[in-house]
Amino acid sequence: TQIPTGTVDQERITSRRGSVSETSMAFSGNYRDKLLVGLSMGFPSIRFEESYSHHEEVNDTSLNLSEFTYRQNLITRGMGFNIKLGAIFQPVEWARVGIAFNSASTVSMSDRWDTNISSSFRDGTTYSEESPLGSYNYNLKLPSRWIFSSAFIIGKYGVVSADYELVNYANSRFRN
């Protein structure tokens, strides 16, 4: 219902924060300074929080409604695992060729949310309701990738390098 005469002061606040990080354990080796190999195990984590608040104050004193507020909160968390393998071969002093494989990462995710609404009236009556805590668990699968690289050292003048990365994002999946 529209407020017939008077105004409404509105305030909307949205706050978001979060991070995507990865903790890794790595191992490497060197064979005769010609072949360098590496392996790492990664543990990606995702953290996201959002809070939303909408508040209105009715300035029309002929109406009983004084103010109301709607709040919504969301927390998302995720943990996963991946493996990365790589090798660099140096056939001669001035050339290097590399290959790397990053496995698909599967991240177990969980969302938790709740909402509440409150209102107050000029006659002193107040109402407040909260939703039950909502939750949803799912998996996020990120695709694997291949990386091919080469580098050539041009004396003391510089380096020419090229990298090619192959990844198919169509292989990403959300599953409950």
C-alpha atoms as a PDB file:
ATOM      1  CA  THR A   1       0.000   0.000   0.000  1.00  0.00           C
ATOM      2  CA  GLN A   2       1.281   3.387  -0.889  1.00  0.00           C
ATOM      3  CA  ILE A   3       1.681   5.985   1.858  1.00  0.00           C
ATOM      4  CA  PRO A   4      -0.824   8.677   0.833  1.00  0.00           C
ATOM      5  CA  THR A   5       0.688  11.935   2.123  1.00  0.00           C
ATOM      6  CA  GLY A   6       4.113  12.371   3.712  1.00  0.00           C
ATOM      7  CA  THR A   7       7.420  10.758   3.056  1.00  0.00           C
ATOM      8  CA  VAL A   8       9.384   7.664   3.933  1.00  0.00           C
ATOM      9  CA  ASP A   9      13.058   7.753   4.832  1.00  0.00           C
ATOM     10  CA  GLN A  10      14.800   4.658   3.508  1.00  0.00           C
ATOM     11  CA  GLU A  11      18.227   3.218   4.249  1.00  0.00           C
ATOM     12  CA  ARG A  12      19.704   0.131   2.662  1.00  0.00           C
ATOM     13  CA  ILE A  13      23.055  -1.282   3.744  1.00  0.00           C
ATOM     14  CA  THR A  14      24.791  -4.238   2.105  1.00  0.00           C
ATOM     15  CA  SER A  15      28.068  -5.561   3.467  1.00  0.00           C
ATOM     16  CA  ARG A  16      30.132  -8.242   1.721  1.00  0.00           C
ATOM     17  CA  ARG A  17      33.481  -9.729   2.584  1.00  0.00           C
ATOM     18  CA  GLY A  18      35.331 -12.902   1.825  1.00  0.00           C
ATOM     19  CA  SER A  19      38.361 -14.609   0.412  1.00  0.00           C
ATOM     20  CA  VAL A  20      39.553 -17.452  -1.756  1.00  0.00           C
ATOM     21  CA  SER A  21      42.859 -18.935  -0.620  1.00  0.00           C
ATOM     22  CA  GLU A  22      44.900 -22.098  -0.932  1.00  0.00           C
ATOM     23  CA  THR A  23      47.340 -23.816   1.403  1.00  0.00           C
ATOM     24  CA  SER A  24      49.863 -26.034  -0.381  1.00  0.00           C
ATOM     25  CA  MET A  25      52.465 -28.653   0.401  1.00  0.00           C
ATOM     26  CA  ALA A  26      55.128 -28.886  -2.300  1.00  0.00           C
ATOM     27  CA  PHE A  27      57.899 -31.314  -3.210  1.00  0.00           C
ATOM     28  CA  SER A  28      60.532 -30.867  -5.909  1.00  0.00           C
ATOM     29  CA  GLY A  29      63.564 -32.542  -7.409  1.00  0.00           C
ATOM     30  CA  ASN A  30      66.434 -31.884  -9.782  1.00  0.00           C
ATOM     31  CA  TYR A  31      68.171 -34.377 -12.052  1.00  0.00           C
ATOM     32  CA  ARG A  32      71.630 -33.245 -13.324  1.00  0.00           C
ATOM     33  CA  ASP A  33      70.447 -29.635 -13.663  1.00  0.00           C
ATOM     34  CA  LYS A  34      68.585 -30.694 -16.816  1.00  0.00           C
ATOM     35  CA  LEU A  35      65.246 -31.895 -15.499  1.00  0.00           C
ATOM     36  CA  LEU A  36      63.353 -30.130 -12.726  1.00  0.00           C
ATOM     37  CA  VAL A  37      60.161 -31.728 -11.394  1.00  0.00           C
ATOM     38  CA  GLY A  38      57.596 -30.626  -8.847  1.00  0.00           C
ATOM     39  CA  LEU A  39      54.470 -31.849  -7.123  1.00  0.00           C
ATOM     40  CA  SER A  40      52.114 -29.973  -4.844  1.00  0.00           C
ATOM     41  CA  MET A  41      48.947 -30.810  -2.992  1.00  0.00           C
ATOM     42  CA  GLY A  42      46.616 -27.867  -2.579  1.00  0.00           C
ATOM     43  CA  PHE A  43      43.798 -27.274  -0.131  1.00  0.00           C
ATOM     44  CA  PRO A  44      41.669 -24.406  -1.480  1.00  0.00           C
ATOM     45  CA  SER A  45      39.252 -22.646   0.858  1.00  0.00           C
ATOM     46  CA  ILE A  46      36.428 -20.204   0.206  1.00  0.00           C
ATOM     47  CA  ARG A  47      34.873 -17.847   2.745  1.00  0.00           C
ATOM     48  CA  PHE A  48      32.099 -15.359   1.964  1.00  0.00           C
ATOM     49  CA  GLU A  49      29.741 -13.391   4.201  1.00  0.00           C
ATOM     50  CA  GLU A  50      26.975 -11.009   3.207  1.00  0.00           C
ATOM     51  CA  SER A  51      24.600  -9.027   5.360  1.00  0.00           C
ATOM     52  CA  TYR A  52      21.780  -6.924   4.004  1.00  0.00           C
ATOM     53  CA  SER A  53      19.562  -4.501   5.893  1.00  0.00           C
ATOM     54  CA  HIS A  54      16.636  -2.405   4.645  1.00  0.00           C
ATOM     55  CA  HIS A  55      15.118   0.119   7.059  1.00  0.00           C
ATOM     56  CA  GLU A  56      12.214   2.516   6.514  1.00  0.00           C
ATOM     57  CA  GLU A  57      10.811   5.235   8.741  1.00  0.00           C
ATOM     58  CA  VAL A  58       7.353   6.637   7.967  1.00  0.00           C
ATOM     59  CA  ASN A  59       7.178  10.405   8.449  1.00  0.00           C
ATOM     60  CA  ASP A  60       3.399  10.605   7.995  1.00  0.00           C
ATOM     61  CA  THR A  61       2.122  10.838  11.600  1.00  0.00           C
ATOM     62  CA  SER A  62      -1.477  10.171  10.487  1.00  0.00           C
ATOM     63  CA  LEU A  63      -0.479   6.526   9.927  1.00  0.00           C
ATOM     64  CA  ASN A  64       0.048   4.090  12.785  1.00  0.00           C
ATOM     65  CA  LEU A  65       3.116   2.452  11.147  1.00  0.00           C
ATOM     66  CA  SER A  66       6.287   4.095  12.412  1.00  0.00           C
ATOM     67  CA  GLU A  67       9.128   1.975  10.983  1.00  0.00           C
ATOM     68  CA  PHE A  68      10.169  -1.444   9.805  1.00  0.00           C
ATOM     69  CA  THR A  69      13.438  -3.260   9.156  1.00  0.00           C
ATOM     70  CA  TYR A  70      14.255  -6.320   7.057  1.00  0.00           C
ATOM     71  CA  ARG A  71      17.606  -8.094   7.536  1.00  0.00           C
ATOM     72  CA  GLN A  72      19.181 -10.996   5.659  1.00  0.00           C
ATOM     73  CA  ASN A  73      22.469 -12.817   6.382  1.00  0.00           C
ATOM     74  CA  LEU A  74      24.391 -15.337   4.279  1.00  0.00           C
ATOM     75  CA  ILE A  75      27.544 -17.285   5.159  1.00  0.00           C
ATOM     76  CA  THR A  76      29.287 -19.488   2.583  1.00  0.00           C
ATOM     77  CA  ARG A  77      32.220 -21.760   3.419  1.00  0.00           C
ATOM     78  CA  GLY A  78      34.158 -24.247   1.299  1.00  0.00           C
ATOM     79  CA  MET A  79      37.169 -26.577   1.492  1.00  0.00           C
ATOM     80  CA  GLY A  80      38.719 -28.649  -1.271  1.00  0.00           C
ATOM     81  CA  PHE A  81      41.696 -30.545  -2.642  1.00  0.00           C
ATOM     82  CA  ASN A  82      43.831 -30.576  -5.801  1.00  0.00           C
ATOM     83  CA  ILE A  83      47.169 -31.833  -7.115  1.00  0.00           C
ATOM     84  CA  LYS A  84      49.628 -30.004  -9.357  1.00  0.00           C
ATOM     85  CA  LEU A  85      52.473 -31.687 -11.270  1.00  0.00           C
ATOM     86  CA  GLY A  86      55.112 -29.983 -13.373  1.00  0.00           C
ATOM     87  CA  ALA A  87      58.436 -30.455 -15.128  1.00  0.00           C
ATOM     88  CA  ILE A  88      60.976 -28.205 -16.808  1.00  0.00           C
ATOM     89  CA  PHE A  89      63.546 -29.652 -19.205  1.00  0.00           C
ATOM     90  CA  GLN A  90      66.673 -27.705 -20.158  1.00  0.00           C
ATOM     91  CA  PRO A  91      68.246 -29.436 -23.197  1.00  0.00           C
ATOM     92  CA  VAL A  92      70.845 -26.670 -23.656  1.00  0.00           C
ATOM     93  CA  GLU A  93      71.907 -23.704 -21.518  1.00  0.00           C
ATOM     94  CA  TRP A  94      69.813 -21.177 -23.467  1.00  0.00           C
ATOM     95  CA  ALA A  95      66.500 -23.103 -23.822  1.00  0.00           C
ATOM     96  CA  ARG A  96      63.838 -24.439 -21.466  1.00  0.00           C
ATOM     97  CA  VAL A  97      60.627 -26.381 -22.120  1.00  0.00           C
ATOM     98  CA  GLY A  98      57.963 -26.941 -19.475  1.00  0.00           C
ATOM     99  CA  ILE A  99      54.745 -28.813 -18.914  1.00  0.00           C
ATOM    100  CA  ALA A 100      52.352 -28.713 -15.959  1.00  0.00           C
ATOM    101  CA  PHE A 101      49.084 -30.376 -15.035  1.00  0.00           C
ATOM    102  CA  ASN A 102      46.660 -29.040 -12.440  1.00  0.00           C
ATOM    103  CA  SER A 103      44.015 -31.572 -11.420  1.00  0.00           C
ATOM    104  CA  ALA A 104      40.378 -30.653 -11.131  1.00  0.00           C
ATOM    105  CA  SER A 105      39.531 -29.132  -7.746  1.00  0.00           C
ATOM    106  CA  THR A 106      36.435 -30.305  -5.942  1.00  0.00           C
ATOM    107  CA  VAL A 107      35.361 -27.934  -3.196  1.00  0.00           C
ATOM    108  CA  SER A 108      32.729 -28.982  -0.632  1.00  0.00           C
ATOM    109  CA  MET A 109      30.570 -25.907  -0.061  1.00  0.00           C
ATOM    110  CA  SER A 110      27.927 -24.960   2.494  1.00  0.00           C
ATOM    111  CA  ASP A 111      25.563 -21.999   2.616  1.00  0.00           C
ATOM    112  CA  ARG A 112      23.799 -20.870   5.803  1.00  0.00           C
ATOM    113  CA  TRP A 113      21.275 -18.028   5.837  1.00  0.00           C
ATOM    114  CA  ASP A 114      18.610 -16.399   7.939  1.00  0.00           C
ATOM    115  CA  THR A 115      16.251 -13.433   7.704  1.00  0.00           C
ATOM    116  CA  ASN A 116      14.278 -11.343  10.138  1.00  0.00           C
ATOM    117  CA  ILE A 117      11.782  -8.533   9.935  1.00  0.00           C
ATOM    118  CA  SER A 118      10.603  -6.144  12.608  1.00  0.00           C
ATOM    119  CA  SER A 119       8.095  -3.302  12.684  1.00  0.00           C
ATOM    120  CA  SER A 120       6.966  -0.759  15.218  1.00  0.00           C
ATOM    121  CA  PHE A 121       3.811   1.309  15.371  1.00  0.00           C
ATOM    122  CA  ARG A 122       3.042   4.690  16.870  1.00  0.00           C
ATOM    123  CA  ASP A 123       0.702   3.087  19.420  1.00  0.00           C
ATOM    124  CA  GLY A 124       3.724   1.223  20.924  1.00  0.00           C
ATOM    125  CA  THR A 125       3.011  -2.151  19.315  1.00  0.00           C
ATOM    126  CA  THR A 126       6.012  -4.001  17.872  1.00  0.00           C
ATOM    127  CA  TYR A 127       6.307  -7.175  15.844  1.00  0.00           C
ATOM    128  CA  SER A 128       9.376  -9.231  15.041  1.00  0.00           C
ATOM    129  CA  GLU A 129       9.788 -12.525  13.186  1.00  0.00           C
ATOM    130  CA  GLU A 130      12.844 -14.616  12.339  1.00  0.00           C
ATOM    131  CA  SER A 131      13.157 -17.296   9.717  1.00  0.00           C
ATOM    132  CA  PRO A 132      14.513 -20.700  10.600  1.00  0.00           C
ATOM    133  CA  LEU A 133      18.186 -21.117   9.793  1.00  0.00           C
ATOM    134  CA  GLY A 134      18.426 -22.226   6.170  1.00  0.00           C
ATOM    135  CA  SER A 135      21.225 -24.416   4.899  1.00  0.00           C
ATOM    136  CA  TYR A 136      22.368 -26.033   1.694  1.00  0.00           C
ATOM    137  CA  ASN A 137      25.413 -28.228   1.015  1.00  0.00           C
ATOM    138  CA  TYR A 138      26.858 -28.746  -2.453  1.00  0.00           C
ATOM    139  CA  ASN A 139      30.097 -29.383  -4.358  1.00  0.00           C
ATOM    140  CA  LEU A 140      31.842 -27.031  -6.736  1.00  0.00           C
ATOM    141  CA  LYS A 141      34.079 -28.761  -9.278  1.00  0.00           C
ATOM    142  CA  LEU A 142      36.610 -26.589 -11.089  1.00  0.00           C
ATOM    143  CA  PRO A 143      38.177 -27.998 -14.269  1.00  0.00           C
ATOM    144  CA  SER A 144      41.687 -29.359 -14.685  1.00  0.00           C
ATOM    145  CA  ARG A 145      44.232 -27.486 -16.766  1.00  0.00           C
ATOM    146  CA  TRP A 146      47.349 -28.137 -18.794  1.00  0.00           C
ATOM    147  CA  ILE A 147      50.126 -25.560 -19.172  1.00  0.00           C
ATOM    148  CA  PHE A 148      52.851 -25.724 -21.823  1.00  0.00           C
ATOM    149  CA  SER A 149      55.760 -23.296 -21.828  1.00  0.00           C
ATOM    150  CA  SER A 150      59.081 -22.546 -23.488  1.00  0.00           C
ATOM    151  CA  ALA A 151      61.767 -19.933 -22.928  1.00  0.00           C
ATOM    152  CA  PHE A 152      64.873 -18.921 -24.818  1.00  0.00           C
ATOM    153  CA  ILE A 153      67.685 -16.819 -23.367  1.00  0.00           C
ATOM    154  CA  ILE A 154      69.182 -14.397 -25.874  1.00  0.00           C
ATOM    155  CA  GLY A 155      72.651 -13.832 -24.448  1.00  0.00           C
ATOM    156  CA  LYS A 156      72.673 -10.880 -22.066  1.00  0.00           C
ATOM    157  CA  TYR A 157      69.914  -9.139 -24.020  1.00  0.00           C
ATOM    158  CA  GLY A 158      66.777 -10.779 -22.713  1.00  0.00           C
ATOM    159  CA  VAL A 159      64.401 -13.693 -22.677  1.00  0.00           C
ATOM    160  CA  VAL A 160      61.688 -14.705 -25.111  1.00  0.00           C
ATOM    161  CA  SER A 161      59.048 -16.953 -23.592  1.00  0.00           C
ATOM    162  CA  ALA A 162      55.665 -18.354 -24.512  1.00  0.00           C
ATOM    163  CA  ASP A 163      53.019 -20.077 -22.393  1.00  0.00           C
ATOM    164  CA  TYR A 164      49.901 -21.884 -23.516  1.00  0.00           C
ATOM    165  CA  GLU A 165      47.185 -22.858 -21.070  1.00  0.00           C
ATOM    166  CA  LEU A 166      44.437 -25.318 -21.902  1.00  0.00           C
ATOM    167  CA  VAL A 167      41.338 -25.342 -19.681  1.00  0.00           C
ATOM    168  CA  ASN A 168      37.708 -26.178 -20.458  1.00  0.00           C
ATOM    169  CA  TYR A 169      35.425 -24.214 -18.135  1.00  0.00           C
ATOM    170  CA  ALA A 170      32.445 -26.147 -19.506  1.00  0.00           C
ATOM    171  CA  ASN A 171      33.657 -28.944 -17.208  1.00  0.00           C
ATOM    172  CA  SER A 172      32.856 -26.844 -14.112  1.00  0.00           C
ATOM    173  CA  ARG A 173      29.994 -28.284 -12.078  1.00  0.00           C
ATOM    174  CA  PHE A 174      27.718 -27.551  -9.145  1.00  0.00           C
ATOM    175  CA  ARG A 175      26.298 -30.691  -7.516  1.00  0.00           C
ATOM    176  CA  ASN A 176      24.235 -31.181  -4.391  1.00  0.00           C
END
